[in-house]
């Protein structure tokens, strides 16, 4: 169980960093652009990118919550079977 969580964390860290780089690049483009129309287009792209990222984060959080609910709250005890 711990190994699988560790592997998932190692898998998602580069993906999250790549998504942050996209957001950072869009922010940099917005700050350096002088044209208002181009800024509006870039702001719309940034909004869409952040909305998509937010949806993915919410889905992952919901999946984690559902998986946690499926786990038993107590460790299985065999003493009742031995009687």
N, C-alpha and C. Protein backbone atom coordinates (compact mmCIF):
# COMPACT_ATOMS: atom_id res chain seq x y z
N UNK A 1 0.84 -1.19 0.00
CA UNK A 1 0.00 0.00 0.00
C UNK A 1 0.88 1.25 0.00
N UNK A 2 1.86 1.28 0.89
CA UNK A 2 2.73 2.45 0.96
C UNK A 2 3.56 2.61 -0.30
N UNK A 3 3.96 1.46 -0.88
CA UNK A 3 4.75 1.52 -2.11
C UNK A 3 3.94 2.12 -3.25
N UNK A 4 2.67 1.72 -3.35
CA UNK A 4 1.84 2.22 -4.45
C UNK A 4 1.59 3.72 -4.30
N UNK A 5 1.40 4.19 -3.09
CA UNK A 5 1.21 5.63 -2.87
C UNK A 5 2.49 6.38 -3.22
N UNK A 6 3.63 5.83 -2.83
CA UNK A 6 4.91 6.46 -3.13
C UNK A 6 5.14 6.53 -4.64
N UNK A 7 4.81 5.46 -5.34
CA UNK A 7 4.98 5.43 -6.80
C UNK A 7 4.06 6.46 -7.46
N UNK A 8 2.83 6.55 -6.98
CA UNK A 8 1.90 7.55 -7.53
C UNK A 8 2.41 8.97 -7.31
N UNK A 9 2.95 9.22 -6.14
CA UNK A 9 3.49 10.55 -5.85
C UNK A 9 4.64 10.87 -6.78
N UNK A 10 5.54 9.90 -6.98
CA UNK A 10 6.67 10.11 -7.88
C UNK A 10 6.21 10.32 -9.32
N UNK A 11 5.10 9.70 -9.68
CA UNK A 11 4.58 9.83 -11.04
C UNK A 11 3.93 11.20 -11.26
N UNK A 12 3.21 11.71 -10.26
CA UNK A 12 2.46 12.96 -10.44
C UNK A 12 3.30 14.22 -10.24
N UNK A 13 4.42 14.15 -9.54
CA UNK A 13 5.23 15.34 -9.31
C UNK A 13 5.71 15.98 -10.62
N UNK A 14 6.27 15.23 -11.57
CA UNK A 14 6.67 15.87 -12.83
C UNK A 14 5.50 16.44 -13.62
N UNK A 15 4.36 15.77 -13.55
CA UNK A 15 3.17 16.27 -14.28
C UNK A 15 2.72 17.59 -13.69
N UNK A 16 2.67 17.68 -12.37
CA UNK A 16 2.26 18.93 -11.73
C UNK A 16 3.24 20.05 -12.01
N UNK A 17 4.54 19.73 -12.01
CA UNK A 17 5.53 20.76 -12.33
C UNK A 17 5.38 21.24 -13.76
N UNK A 18 5.07 20.36 -14.69
CA UNK A 18 4.88 20.75 -16.08
C UNK A 18 3.67 21.65 -16.22
N UNK A 19 2.60 21.36 -15.49
CA UNK A 19 1.41 22.21 -15.55
C UNK A 19 1.71 23.60 -14.97
N UNK A 20 2.50 23.66 -13.92
CA UNK A 20 2.86 24.95 -13.34
C UNK A 20 3.71 25.75 -14.31
N UNK A 21 4.57 25.08 -15.08
CA UNK A 21 5.38 25.77 -16.07
C UNK A 21 4.51 26.40 -17.15
N UNK A 22 3.46 25.71 -17.57
CA UNK A 22 2.55 26.25 -18.58
C UNK A 22 1.88 27.51 -18.05
N UNK A 23 1.42 27.47 -16.80
CA UNK A 23 0.78 28.63 -16.19
C UNK A 23 1.78 29.77 -16.05
N UNK A 24 2.99 29.45 -15.63
CA UNK A 24 4.02 30.49 -15.49
C UNK A 24 4.34 31.14 -16.83
N UNK A 25 4.43 30.34 -17.89
CA UNK A 25 4.72 30.88 -19.21
C UNK A 25 3.59 31.81 -19.69
N UNK A 26 2.35 31.40 -19.44
CA UNK A 26 1.22 32.25 -19.82
C UNK A 26 1.23 33.56 -19.04
N UNK A 27 1.52 33.48 -17.75
CA UNK A 27 1.59 34.71 -16.95
C UNK A 27 2.70 35.63 -17.44
N UNK A 28 3.83 35.05 -17.80
CA UNK A 28 4.94 35.85 -18.30
C UNK A 28 4.57 36.52 -19.63
N UNK A 29 3.89 35.77 -20.50
CA UNK A 29 3.46 36.35 -21.77
C UNK A 29 2.47 37.49 -21.55
N UNK A 30 1.57 37.31 -20.60
CA UNK A 30 0.58 38.35 -20.30
C UNK A 30 1.29 39.62 -19.80
N UNK A 31 2.27 39.45 -18.94
CA UNK A 31 2.98 40.60 -18.37
C UNK A 31 3.84 41.33 -19.40
N UNK A 32 4.36 40.60 -20.38
CA UNK A 32 5.26 41.24 -21.35
C UNK A 32 4.53 41.79 -22.57
N UNK A 33 3.28 41.40 -22.77
CA UNK A 33 2.54 41.83 -23.95
C UNK A 33 1.99 43.24 -23.75
N UNK A 34 2.12 44.05 -24.79
CA UNK A 34 1.60 45.41 -24.76
C UNK A 34 0.20 45.51 -25.37
N UNK A 35 -0.08 44.65 -26.34
CA UNK A 35 -1.35 44.69 -27.07
C UNK A 35 -2.50 44.20 -26.19
N UNK A 36 -3.58 44.98 -26.10
CA UNK A 36 -4.71 44.63 -25.24
C UNK A 36 -5.45 43.39 -25.74
N UNK A 37 -5.60 43.29 -27.05
CA UNK A 37 -6.33 42.14 -27.60
C UNK A 37 -5.57 40.84 -27.34
N UNK A 38 -4.28 40.89 -27.52
CA UNK A 38 -3.47 39.70 -27.26
C UNK A 38 -3.50 39.34 -25.78
N UNK A 39 -3.51 40.36 -24.91
CA UNK A 39 -3.59 40.09 -23.47
C UNK A 39 -4.91 39.40 -23.13
N UNK A 40 -5.99 39.86 -23.77
CA UNK A 40 -7.30 39.25 -23.51
C UNK A 40 -7.31 37.78 -23.93
N UNK A 41 -6.70 37.49 -25.08
CA UNK A 41 -6.63 36.11 -25.56
C UNK A 41 -5.81 35.26 -24.59
N UNK A 42 -4.68 35.79 -24.16
CA UNK A 42 -3.83 35.05 -23.22
C UNK A 42 -4.51 34.86 -21.87
N UNK A 43 -5.25 35.85 -21.42
CA UNK A 43 -5.98 35.72 -20.16
C UNK A 43 -7.05 34.64 -20.27
N UNK A 44 -7.73 34.56 -21.42
CA UNK A 44 -8.72 33.50 -21.62
C UNK A 44 -8.06 32.13 -21.62
N UNK A 45 -6.88 32.02 -22.25
CA UNK A 45 -6.14 30.75 -22.22
C UNK A 45 -5.76 30.38 -20.80
N UNK A 46 -5.31 31.39 -20.05
CA UNK A 46 -4.92 31.15 -18.65
C UNK A 46 -6.11 30.69 -17.82
N UNK A 47 -7.25 31.33 -18.02
CA UNK A 47 -8.47 30.94 -17.30
C UNK A 47 -8.85 29.50 -17.62
N UNK A 48 -8.79 29.15 -18.90
CA UNK A 48 -9.15 27.78 -19.31
C UNK A 48 -8.16 26.78 -18.73
N UNK A 49 -6.88 27.10 -18.77
CA UNK A 49 -5.86 26.20 -18.23
C UNK A 49 -6.06 25.99 -16.73
N UNK A 50 -6.31 27.08 -16.01
CA UNK A 50 -6.52 26.96 -14.56
C UNK A 50 -7.80 26.22 -14.24
N UNK A 51 -8.86 26.43 -15.04
CA UNK A 51 -10.11 25.71 -14.81
C UNK A 51 -9.93 24.21 -15.04
N UNK A 52 -9.20 23.85 -16.10
CA UNK A 52 -8.93 22.43 -16.36
C UNK A 52 -8.11 21.81 -15.24
N UNK A 53 -7.11 22.53 -14.78
CA UNK A 53 -6.27 22.04 -13.69
C UNK A 53 -7.10 21.86 -12.42
N UNK A 54 -8.00 22.81 -12.17
CA UNK A 54 -8.85 22.73 -10.99
C UNK A 54 -9.78 21.52 -11.07
N UNK A 55 -10.35 21.26 -12.26
CA UNK A 55 -11.23 20.10 -12.42
C UNK A 55 -10.48 18.80 -12.15
N UNK A 56 -9.24 18.71 -12.67
CA UNK A 56 -8.44 17.51 -12.45
C UNK A 56 -8.15 17.32 -10.97
N UNK A 57 -7.81 18.41 -10.28
CA UNK A 57 -7.51 18.32 -8.85
C UNK A 57 -8.73 17.88 -8.06
N UNK A 58 -9.90 18.41 -8.42
CA UNK A 58 -11.13 18.02 -7.72
C UNK A 58 -11.44 16.55 -7.96
N UNK A 59 -11.26 16.08 -9.20
CA UNK A 59 -11.51 14.67 -9.50
C UNK A 59 -10.56 13.77 -8.73
N UNK A 60 -9.29 14.15 -8.66
CA UNK A 60 -8.32 13.35 -7.91
C UNK A 60 -8.67 13.34 -6.42
N UNK A 61 -9.07 14.47 -5.90
CA UNK A 61 -9.43 14.54 -4.48
C UNK A 61 -10.65 13.67 -4.20
N UNK A 62 -11.64 13.71 -5.07
CA UNK A 62 -12.83 12.88 -4.89
C UNK A 62 -12.49 11.39 -4.99
N UNK A 63 -11.59 11.05 -5.90
CA UNK A 63 -11.18 9.64 -6.02
C UNK A 63 -10.46 9.18 -4.76
N UNK A 64 -9.63 10.03 -4.21
CA UNK A 64 -8.92 9.69 -2.97
C UNK A 64 -9.90 9.51 -1.82
N UNK A 65 -10.88 10.40 -1.73
CA UNK A 65 -11.88 10.30 -0.67
C UNK A 65 -12.69 9.01 -0.80
N UNK A 66 -13.10 8.66 -2.03
CA UNK A 66 -13.85 7.43 -2.23
C UNK A 66 -13.01 6.20 -1.89
N UNK A 67 -11.75 6.22 -2.28
CA UNK A 67 -10.87 5.09 -1.97
C UNK A 67 -10.67 4.95 -0.47
N UNK A 68 -10.55 6.07 0.21
CA UNK A 68 -10.36 6.04 1.66
C UNK A 68 -11.61 5.51 2.36
N UNK A 69 -12.79 5.84 1.84
CA UNK A 69 -14.02 5.35 2.44
C UNK A 69 -14.15 3.84 2.29
N UNK A 70 -13.58 3.28 1.24
CA UNK A 70 -13.66 1.84 1.02
C UNK A 70 -12.73 1.06 1.94
N UNK A 71 -11.70 1.71 2.47
CA UNK A 71 -10.77 1.03 3.37
C UNK A 71 -11.46 0.74 4.70
N UNK A 72 -11.20 -0.42 5.26
CA UNK A 72 -11.81 -0.73 6.57
C UNK A 72 -11.23 0.17 7.65
N UNK A 73 -12.08 0.56 8.58
CA UNK A 73 -11.61 1.45 9.64
C UNK A 73 -10.86 0.67 10.73
N UNK A 74 -11.13 -0.63 10.85
CA UNK A 74 -10.45 -1.45 11.85
C UNK A 74 -9.70 -2.59 11.16
N UNK A 75 -8.64 -3.01 11.78
CA UNK A 75 -7.87 -4.14 11.27
C UNK A 75 -8.64 -5.42 11.51
N UNK A 76 -8.60 -6.33 10.56
CA UNK A 76 -9.31 -7.60 10.68
C UNK A 76 -8.79 -8.40 11.86
N UNK A 77 -9.71 -8.89 12.66
CA UNK A 77 -9.35 -9.64 13.87
C UNK A 77 -9.84 -11.08 13.73
N UNK A 78 -8.93 -12.05 13.79
CA UNK A 78 -9.27 -13.46 13.61
C UNK A 78 -9.63 -14.17 14.91
N UNK A 79 -9.63 -13.51 16.04
CA UNK A 79 -9.90 -14.18 17.31
C UNK A 79 -11.30 -14.74 17.36
N UNK A 80 -12.26 -14.12 16.67
CA UNK A 80 -13.63 -14.61 16.68
C UNK A 80 -13.74 -15.92 15.88
N UNK A 81 -12.91 -16.10 14.89
CA UNK A 81 -12.95 -17.33 14.09
C UNK A 81 -12.32 -18.50 14.84
N UNK A 82 -11.39 -18.23 15.73
CA UNK A 82 -10.71 -19.31 16.44
C UNK A 82 -11.53 -19.91 17.57
N UNK A 83 -12.59 -19.26 17.98
CA UNK A 83 -13.42 -19.76 19.10
C UNK A 83 -14.32 -20.86 18.71
